[in-house]
Amino acid sequence: MSQIVSMTGPISSLRAQLRAQAEAALTPENKSTPFADRMGGAIREVANAQNQAADLTKAYELGTENDISKVMISQQVSSLGFQLTLNVRNKMLSAYKDIMNMPV
């Protein structure tokens, strides 16, 4: 019986931690950030990824970076970020046009 109790102790503590994390994730945050701030942060992250990819490519061309897979992965991350940003822009522009064409 003591073995069962000793085994359920860590499980119940893990369950309590998971429950607390789930409740924290489901509660609405009081610190909401404006949409423009989030979009600006995302664009800055994409720009940083593009700059990092350009720096790694330049370093590979100069011979200071020898890991071609690292260079290719950074270029792909940069490309995906740019494509995602472009698609978000297109969706936002389409929504704007739809709103402007609505009769008042």
Protein backbone atom coordinates (compact mmCIF):
# COMPACT_ATOMS: atom_id res chain seq x y z
CA MET A 1 0.00 0.00 0.00
CA SER A 2 2.86 2.37 0.77
CA GLN A 3 4.28 1.74 -2.71
CA ILE A 4 1.04 2.87 -4.30
CA VAL A 5 0.97 6.02 -2.20
CA SER A 6 4.60 6.79 -2.99
CA MET A 7 3.93 6.34 -6.71
CA THR A 8 0.82 8.51 -6.81
CA GLY A 9 2.52 11.43 -5.05
CA PRO A 10 4.60 12.55 -8.05
CA ILE A 11 1.68 11.92 -10.40
CA SER A 12 -0.67 14.10 -8.37
CA SER A 13 1.89 16.89 -8.16
CA LEU A 14 2.42 16.67 -11.93
CA ARG A 15 -1.35 16.75 -12.42
CA ALA A 16 -1.59 19.86 -10.24
CA GLN A 17 1.16 21.57 -12.25
CA LEU A 18 -0.54 20.72 -15.53
CA ARG A 19 -3.88 21.96 -14.23
CA ALA A 20 -2.32 25.25 -13.13
CA GLN A 21 -0.66 25.70 -16.53
CA ALA A 22 -3.91 24.92 -18.34
CA GLU A 23 -5.86 27.40 -16.21
CA ALA A 24 -3.21 30.06 -16.80
CA ALA A 25 -3.38 29.44 -20.55
CA LEU A 26 -7.18 29.60 -20.63
CA THR A 27 -7.63 32.74 -18.55
CA PRO A 28 -7.83 35.92 -20.59
CA GLU A 29 -4.77 38.08 -20.31
CA ASN A 30 -5.21 41.52 -18.87
CA LYS A 31 -2.15 42.78 -20.71
CA SER A 32 -3.47 42.85 -24.25
CA THR A 33 -1.21 44.40 -26.83
CA PRO A 34 -2.59 46.33 -29.76
CA PHE A 35 -2.70 44.61 -33.14
CA ALA A 36 -0.31 47.16 -34.65
CA ASP A 37 2.32 46.39 -32.00
CA ARG A 38 2.08 42.66 -32.65
CA MET A 39 2.34 43.16 -36.40
CA GLY A 40 5.29 45.49 -35.97
CA GLY A 41 7.05 42.94 -33.77
CA ALA A 42 6.41 40.18 -36.29
CA ILE A 43 7.77 42.28 -39.14
CA ARG A 44 10.88 43.09 -37.10
CA GLU A 45 11.41 39.37 -36.44
CA VAL A 46 11.14 38.61 -40.16
CA ALA A 47 13.59 41.42 -40.93
CA ASN A 48 16.02 40.03 -38.33
CA ALA A 49 15.74 36.55 -39.87
CA GLN A 50 16.47 38.01 -43.30
CA ASN A 51 19.48 39.90 -42.00
CA GLN A 52 20.79 36.80 -40.25
CA ALA A 53 20.37 34.74 -43.43
CA ALA A 54 22.19 37.39 -45.44
CA ASP A 55 25.03 37.49 -42.90
CA LEU A 56 25.38 33.70 -42.89
CA THR A 57 25.35 33.59 -46.69
CA LYS A 58 28.03 36.26 -46.85
CA ALA A 59 30.09 34.41 -44.24
CA TYR A 60 29.79 31.18 -46.25
CA GLU A 61 30.87 32.96 -49.43
CA LEU A 62 33.86 34.45 -47.62
CA GLY A 63 34.80 31.05 -46.21
CA THR A 64 34.31 31.84 -42.53
CA GLU A 65 31.20 29.60 -42.29
CA ASN A 66 31.61 25.97 -43.33
CA ASP A 67 28.18 24.57 -42.45
CA ILE A 68 26.12 24.79 -45.64
CA SER A 69 23.08 23.22 -43.97
CA LYS A 70 23.01 26.04 -41.41
CA VAL A 71 23.11 28.59 -44.22
CA MET A 72 20.37 26.85 -46.20
CA ILE A 73 18.11 26.47 -43.17
CA SER A 74 18.46 30.14 -42.28
CA GLN A 75 17.60 31.06 -45.86
CA GLN A 76 14.52 28.84 -45.77
CA VAL A 77 13.39 30.33 -42.43
CA SER A 78 13.84 33.78 -43.91
CA SER A 79 11.91 32.84 -47.04
CA LEU A 80 9.03 31.30 -45.07
CA GLY A 81 8.81 34.35 -42.83
CA PHE A 82 8.66 36.64 -45.85
CA GLN A 83 5.99 34.51 -47.54
CA LEU A 84 3.91 34.48 -44.36
CA THR A 85 4.23 38.25 -44.01
CA LEU A 86 3.21 38.71 -47.64
CA ASN A 87 0.17 36.46 -47.22
CA VAL A 88 -0.92 38.32 -44.08
CA ARG A 89 -0.58 41.61 -45.93
CA ASN A 90 -2.66 40.29 -48.81
CA LYS A 91 -5.39 39.06 -46.45
CA MET A 92 -5.44 42.39 -44.61
CA LEU A 93 -5.64 44.31 -47.89
CA SER A 94 -8.47 42.08 -49.07
CA ALA A 95 -10.37 42.61 -45.81
CA TYR A 96 -9.83 46.37 -46.07
CA LYS A 97 -11.19 46.40 -49.62
CA ASP A 98 -14.21 44.33 -48.54
CA ILE A 99 -14.94 46.74 -45.70
CA MET A 100 -14.56 49.78 -47.97
CA ASN A 101 -16.99 48.28 -50.51
CA MET A 102 -19.69 47.65 -47.92
CA PRO A 103 -22.75 49.85 -48.29
CA VAL A 104 -23.35 52.12 -45.33
